[in-house]
């Protein structure tokens, strides 16, 4: 399962290739996001709201014709919240459904992932902190248990995390550290002597994606990782290049994705945002040109 994680991530891109440095080179996607998001509005799979020890989270199963292949936790960036990933509804009255965030949810669900999101503990800066690792771990454990009850399956479903900027810190820094610590503590306490096959895989992240972030020096090398580079941040991209090249030489399961620039056109916003008209998109485009 761990070895296949970079391939699972790469499969989110329709046209791709890998080079010797572990780079997944992508082409510009076609502007079908708006149509995909509009179809999702009438999706029959409901959004669920849950709570564990005072932590509120939201989850949504894959598209109706797709079985659950993995659980994906989405971590927002600073200034964000779980409400960015779904449109407003009875289940989530505070949701705003930002277009790009919703697109990530729909893309993951189409590929068989149960999508989960929660908000960071710090609601002042709305960034992720070290204490969020245990919080999210509790959410994922509960989601895993509920999935087992609902589907009757006994095997562990792989758990992945994705985050950009501060969300990348949660995905690649705080969450893996929490899972690893919990597992080592269980072994120390002797609990693994009576562990079931399901329990043996608990408290363990199967892979993560960090956008525009590099891991800490003491990162868990046993967890497959994918790093996404932004075209306008050369310094971070250079650090990611060096890190991935070095770790791949050691046999680590790492890859990197070069995120292409998106050209700003008159249709960019209307092509990607469900309720925006072409005229509105064109007006924004003209205002941006005038501002430059």
Protein backbone atom coordinates (compact mmCIF):
# COMPACT_ATOMS: atom_id res chain seq x y z
CA UNK A 1 0.00 0.00 0.00
CA UNK A 2 2.73 2.47 0.96
CA UNK A 3 4.68 1.82 -2.21
CA UNK A 4 1.68 2.63 -4.36
CA UNK A 5 1.02 6.01 -2.73
CA UNK A 6 3.05 8.15 -5.15
CA UNK A 7 1.26 6.42 -8.02
CA UNK A 8 -2.12 7.14 -6.42
CA UNK A 9 -1.19 10.81 -6.21
CA UNK A 10 0.16 10.84 -9.74
CA UNK A 11 -3.10 9.31 -10.98
CA UNK A 12 -4.84 12.54 -10.01
CA UNK A 13 -3.19 14.06 -13.07
CA UNK A 14 -4.44 12.92 -16.46
CA UNK A 15 -1.20 13.54 -18.38
CA UNK A 16 2.01 12.85 -16.50
CA UNK A 17 5.50 11.41 -16.65
CA UNK A 18 8.30 10.90 -14.12
CA UNK A 19 11.97 11.71 -14.45
CA UNK A 20 14.97 10.34 -12.53
CA UNK A 21 14.57 12.94 -9.79
CA UNK A 22 11.12 11.65 -8.95
CA UNK A 23 9.38 14.56 -10.62
CA UNK A 24 5.85 14.04 -11.88
CA UNK A 25 5.53 16.43 -14.81
CA UNK A 26 1.95 17.45 -15.49
CA UNK A 27 0.23 19.19 -18.38
CA UNK A 28 -2.41 21.88 -18.05
CA UNK A 29 -5.83 20.30 -17.32
CA UNK A 30 -8.81 21.06 -19.52
CA UNK A 31 -11.33 23.57 -18.07
CA UNK A 32 -13.97 21.05 -17.02
CA UNK A 33 -13.90 21.89 -13.33
CA UNK A 34 -17.07 23.98 -13.46
CA UNK A 35 -19.09 21.15 -15.01
CA UNK A 36 -17.72 18.68 -12.43
CA UNK A 37 -18.64 20.92 -9.52
CA UNK A 38 -22.12 21.57 -10.86
CA UNK A 39 -22.72 17.83 -11.15
CA UNK A 40 -21.57 17.38 -7.56
CA UNK A 41 -24.38 19.66 -6.32
CA UNK A 42 -26.92 16.98 -7.20
CA UNK A 43 -24.71 14.21 -5.79
CA UNK A 44 -26.75 11.73 -3.78
CA UNK A 45 -23.91 10.90 -1.37
CA UNK A 46 -24.57 13.17 1.64
CA UNK A 47 -22.02 15.18 3.58
CA UNK A 48 -21.71 13.96 7.18
CA UNK A 49 -20.82 15.92 10.28
CA UNK A 50 -19.19 14.20 13.23
CA UNK A 51 -17.56 15.01 16.53
CA UNK A 52 -15.00 13.34 18.76
CA UNK A 53 -13.88 14.87 22.06
CA UNK A 54 -15.16 18.27 21.00
CA UNK A 55 -13.54 18.18 17.55
CA UNK A 56 -16.00 18.75 14.71
CA UNK A 57 -15.19 17.21 11.35
CA UNK A 58 -16.89 16.64 8.00
CA UNK A 59 -16.66 13.60 5.76
CA UNK A 60 -18.07 12.42 2.45
CA UNK A 61 -17.95 8.98 0.88
CA UNK A 62 -16.78 8.42 -2.72
CA UNK A 63 -19.12 8.68 -5.68
CA UNK A 64 -21.96 6.16 -5.50
CA UNK A 65 -20.43 3.69 -7.98
CA UNK A 66 -17.00 3.69 -6.34
CA UNK A 67 -15.87 1.61 -3.36
CA UNK A 68 -13.69 3.16 -0.64
CA UNK A 69 -10.04 2.70 -1.60
CA UNK A 70 -8.56 5.16 0.86
CA UNK A 71 -9.27 7.87 3.43
CA UNK A 72 -7.94 11.33 2.57
CA UNK A 73 -7.64 14.08 5.18
CA UNK A 74 -7.55 17.60 3.75
CA UNK A 75 -5.74 20.27 5.75
CA UNK A 76 -6.52 23.91 4.97
CA UNK A 77 -3.92 26.68 4.95
CA UNK A 78 -3.61 29.60 7.38
CA UNK A 79 -6.77 31.68 7.42
CA UNK A 80 -8.83 28.68 6.34
CA UNK A 81 -11.24 26.14 7.79
CA UNK A 82 -12.96 22.87 6.95
CA UNK A 83 -15.86 24.96 5.63
CA UNK A 84 -13.86 25.71 2.47
CA UNK A 85 -14.26 22.19 1.08
CA UNK A 86 -18.05 21.92 0.71
CA UNK A 87 -20.88 24.28 -0.27
CA UNK A 88 -23.36 25.55 2.31
CA UNK A 89 -25.96 22.97 3.36
CA UNK A 90 -28.08 21.86 6.31
CA UNK A 91 -25.15 19.79 7.54
CA UNK A 92 -22.66 22.66 7.25
CA UNK A 93 -24.34 26.06 7.46
CA UNK A 94 -20.97 27.83 7.69
CA UNK A 95 -19.57 26.19 4.57
CA UNK A 96 -18.58 28.43 1.68
CA UNK A 97 -17.37 25.87 -0.86
CA UNK A 98 -14.33 27.56 -2.39
CA UNK A 99 -14.07 26.35 -5.99
CA UNK A 100 -10.52 24.98 -5.91
CA UNK A 101 -11.06 23.27 -2.55
CA UNK A 102 -14.29 21.68 -3.80
CA UNK A 103 -12.46 20.49 -6.91
CA UNK A 104 -9.95 18.62 -4.75
CA UNK A 105 -12.79 16.91 -2.88
CA UNK A 106 -14.57 15.84 -6.06
CA UNK A 107 -11.38 14.61 -7.73
CA UNK A 108 -10.52 12.49 -4.70
CA UNK A 109 -14.04 11.09 -4.41
CA UNK A 110 -14.12 10.14 -8.07
CA UNK A 111 -11.04 8.05 -7.39
CA UNK A 112 -12.55 6.16 -4.49
CA UNK A 113 -11.42 8.23 -1.53
CA UNK A 114 -13.46 8.99 1.56
CA UNK A 115 -12.70 12.68 2.14
CA UNK A 116 -12.36 14.10 5.65
CA UNK A 117 -11.67 17.66 6.83
CA UNK A 118 -11.54 19.47 10.16
CA UNK A 119 -10.45 22.94 11.26
CA UNK A 120 -7.21 23.73 13.07
CA UNK A 121 -7.28 24.32 16.82
CA UNK A 122 -5.90 27.87 16.51
CA UNK A 123 -8.84 29.96 15.33
CA UNK A 124 -6.94 33.25 15.68
CA UNK A 125 -4.36 32.68 12.95
CA UNK A 126 -6.28 29.62 11.70
CA UNK A 127 -2.95 27.84 11.17
CA UNK A 128 -2.04 24.30 12.25
CA UNK A 129 0.02 23.65 15.37
CA UNK A 130 1.77 20.67 16.91
CA UNK A 131 -1.21 19.99 19.16
CA UNK A 132 -3.37 19.40 16.07
CA UNK A 133 -1.60 16.11 15.34
CA UNK A 134 -3.36 14.19 18.15
CA UNK A 135 -6.66 15.96 17.37
CA UNK A 136 -6.68 14.84 13.74
CA UNK A 137 -5.46 11.35 14.69
CA UNK A 138 -8.56 10.91 16.86
CA UNK A 139 -10.79 11.99 13.98
CA UNK A 140 -9.17 9.57 11.56
CA UNK A 141 -9.37 6.68 14.01
CA UNK A 142 -13.10 7.31 14.46
CA UNK A 143 -13.67 7.60 10.69
CA UNK A 144 -11.84 4.31 10.19
CA UNK A 145 -13.96 2.58 12.84
CA UNK A 146 -17.23 3.98 11.47
CA UNK A 147 -16.28 2.91 7.95
CA UNK A 148 -15.62 -0.61 9.19
CA UNK A 149 -19.04 -0.72 10.85
CA UNK A 150 -20.90 0.69 7.85
CA UNK A 151 -19.26 -1.52 5.23
CA UNK A 152 -18.60 -4.63 7.29
CA UNK A 153 -15.01 -4.75 6.11
CA UNK A 154 -12.29 -5.93 8.47
CA UNK A 155 -9.18 -4.67 6.66
CA UNK A 156 -7.42 -1.38 7.24
CA UNK A 157 -8.21 1.30 4.66
CA UNK A 158 -5.09 3.33 3.76
CA UNK A 159 -5.02 6.82 5.28
CA UNK A 160 -3.44 9.74 3.43
CA UNK A 161 -3.17 13.46 4.19
CA UNK A 162 -2.87 16.48 1.91
CA UNK A 163 -2.11 20.06 2.82
CA UNK A 164 -0.67 23.28 1.42
CA UNK A 165 1.48 25.73 3.35
CA UNK A 166 0.42 25.41 7.01
CA UNK A 167 -1.77 22.47 5.97
CA UNK A 168 1.39 20.85 4.62
CA UNK A 169 2.90 21.14 8.09
CA UNK A 170 -0.05 19.21 9.50
CA UNK A 171 0.15 16.57 6.77
CA UNK A 172 3.92 16.07 6.78
CA UNK A 173 5.06 17.24 10.24
CA UNK A 174 2.49 16.99 13.02
CA UNK A 175 0.27 14.10 11.90
CA UNK A 176 3.01 11.57 11.01
CA UNK A 177 4.79 12.36 14.29
CA UNK A 178 1.62 11.72 16.28
CA UNK A 179 0.86 8.46 14.54
CA UNK A 180 4.42 7.22 14.99
CA UNK A 181 4.53 8.21 18.65
CA UNK A 182 1.22 6.51 19.42
CA UNK A 183 2.33 3.29 17.74
CA UNK A 184 5.65 3.18 19.60
CA UNK A 185 3.86 3.83 22.88
CA UNK A 186 1.48 0.94 22.22
CA UNK A 187 4.41 -1.37 21.53
CA UNK A 188 6.12 -0.20 24.70
CA UNK A 189 2.99 -0.90 26.74
CA UNK A 190 2.76 -4.38 25.28
CA UNK A 191 -0.62 -3.76 23.70
CA UNK A 192 0.45 -5.20 20.36
CA UNK A 193 0.60 -8.68 21.86
CA UNK A 194 -3.19 -8.93 21.59
CA UNK A 195 -3.66 -6.66 18.61
CA UNK A 196 -6.03 -7.68 15.83
CA UNK A 197 -5.12 -7.34 12.12
CA UNK A 198 -7.15 -4.12 12.04
CA UNK A 199 -5.35 -2.73 15.10
CA UNK A 200 -1.90 -3.49 13.73
CA UNK A 201 -2.39 -0.86 11.04
CA UNK A 202 -3.95 1.81 13.22
CA UNK A 203 -2.09 4.96 14.23
CA UNK A 204 -0.09 4.89 11.07
CA UNK A 205 -0.21 7.32 8.14
CA UNK A 206 0.17 5.54 4.80
CA UNK A 207 1.37 8.60 2.90
CA UNK A 208 1.08 12.36 2.63
CA UNK A 209 1.26 15.24 0.15
CA UNK A 210 2.91 18.54 1.09
CA UNK A 211 2.40 21.54 -1.17
CA UNK A 212 5.10 24.20 -1.03
CA UNK A 213 6.67 22.76 2.13
CA UNK A 214 9.72 20.61 2.85
CA UNK A 215 9.88 18.07 5.69
CA UNK A 216 11.81 18.44 8.88
CA UNK A 217 15.17 16.74 9.26
CA UNK A 218 13.74 14.10 11.59
CA UNK A 219 10.85 13.16 9.31
CA UNK A 220 9.61 9.55 9.21
CA UNK A 221 11.36 8.03 6.19
CA UNK A 222 9.09 4.98 6.25
CA UNK A 223 6.08 7.01 5.15
CA UNK A 224 5.82 7.68 1.37
CA UNK A 225 5.69 11.36 0.56
CA UNK A 226 4.85 13.54 -2.44
CA UNK A 227 5.95 17.17 -2.65
CA UNK A 228 4.26 19.74 -4.86
CA UNK A 229 6.29 22.71 -6.09
CA UNK A 230 4.73 26.05 -6.97
CA UNK A 231 6.10 27.86 -10.03
CA UNK A 232 6.39 31.22 -8.24
CA UNK A 233 8.44 30.02 -5.24
CA UNK A 234 11.89 29.19 -6.58
CA UNK A 235 13.55 29.02 -3.15
CA UNK A 236 11.20 26.36 -1.75
CA UNK A 237 11.27 24.48 -5.06
CA UNK A 238 15.06 24.34 -4.91
CA UNK A 239 14.94 22.93 -1.37
CA UNK A 240 12.40 20.30 -2.43
CA UNK A 241 14.58 19.33 -5.43
CA UNK A 242 17.61 18.78 -3.23
CA UNK A 243 15.67 16.91 -0.57
CA UNK A 244 13.88 14.52 -2.95
CA UNK A 245 17.06 13.79 -4.92
CA UNK A 246 18.98 12.99 -1.75
CA UNK A 247 16.22 10.83 -0.23
CA UNK A 248 15.57 8.88 -3.43
CA UNK A 249 19.25 7.95 -3.54
CA UNK A 250 18.72 6.42 -0.11
CA UNK A 251 15.74 4.43 -1.38
CA UNK A 252 13.01 6.60 0.14
CA UNK A 253 9.56 6.54 -1.45
CA UNK A 254 9.33 10.17 -2.50
CA UNK A 255 8.19 12.03 -5.60
CA UNK A 256 7.71 15.65 -6.54
CA UNK A 257 5.15 17.34 -8.75
CA UNK A 258 5.80 20.46 -10.77
CA UNK A 259 2.56 22.41 -10.59
CA UNK A 260 2.14 24.32 -13.86
CA UNK A 261 1.22 27.97 -14.03
CA UNK A 262 -2.41 28.66 -14.92
CA UNK A 263 -2.79 31.36 -17.58
CA UNK A 264 -5.25 34.09 -16.64
CA UNK A 265 -7.82 34.50 -19.39
CA UNK A 266 -11.26 36.04 -19.73
CA UNK A 267 -12.84 32.64 -19.10
CA UNK A 268 -10.61 31.45 -16.26
CA UNK A 269 -13.01 32.24 -13.42
CA UNK A 270 -16.24 31.28 -15.18
CA UNK A 271 -14.64 28.00 -16.29
CA UNK A 272 -13.70 27.08 -12.72
CA UNK A 273 -16.34 28.64 -10.46
CA UNK A 274 -19.85 27.08 -10.67
CA UNK A 275 -22.04 30.18 -10.30
CA UNK A 276 -19.90 32.73 -12.11
CA UNK A 277 -20.93 33.97 -15.55
CA UNK A 278 -18.58 34.68 -18.42
CA UNK A 279 -19.36 38.40 -18.19
CA UNK A 280 -18.39 38.48 -14.51
CA UNK A 281 -15.19 36.58 -15.27
CA UNK A 282 -14.37 38.98 -18.09
CA UNK A 283 -14.92 41.97 -15.78
CA UNK A 284 -12.51 40.56 -13.19
CA UNK A 285 -10.00 39.86 -15.93
CA UNK A 286 -10.21 43.44 -17.22
CA UNK A 287 -9.83 44.86 -13.71
CA UNK A 288 -6.71 42.76 -13.18
CA UNK A 289 -5.24 44.05 -16.43
CA UNK A 290 -6.02 47.64 -15.43
CA UNK A 291 -4.37 47.10 -12.05
CA UNK A 292 -1.11 46.13 -13.71
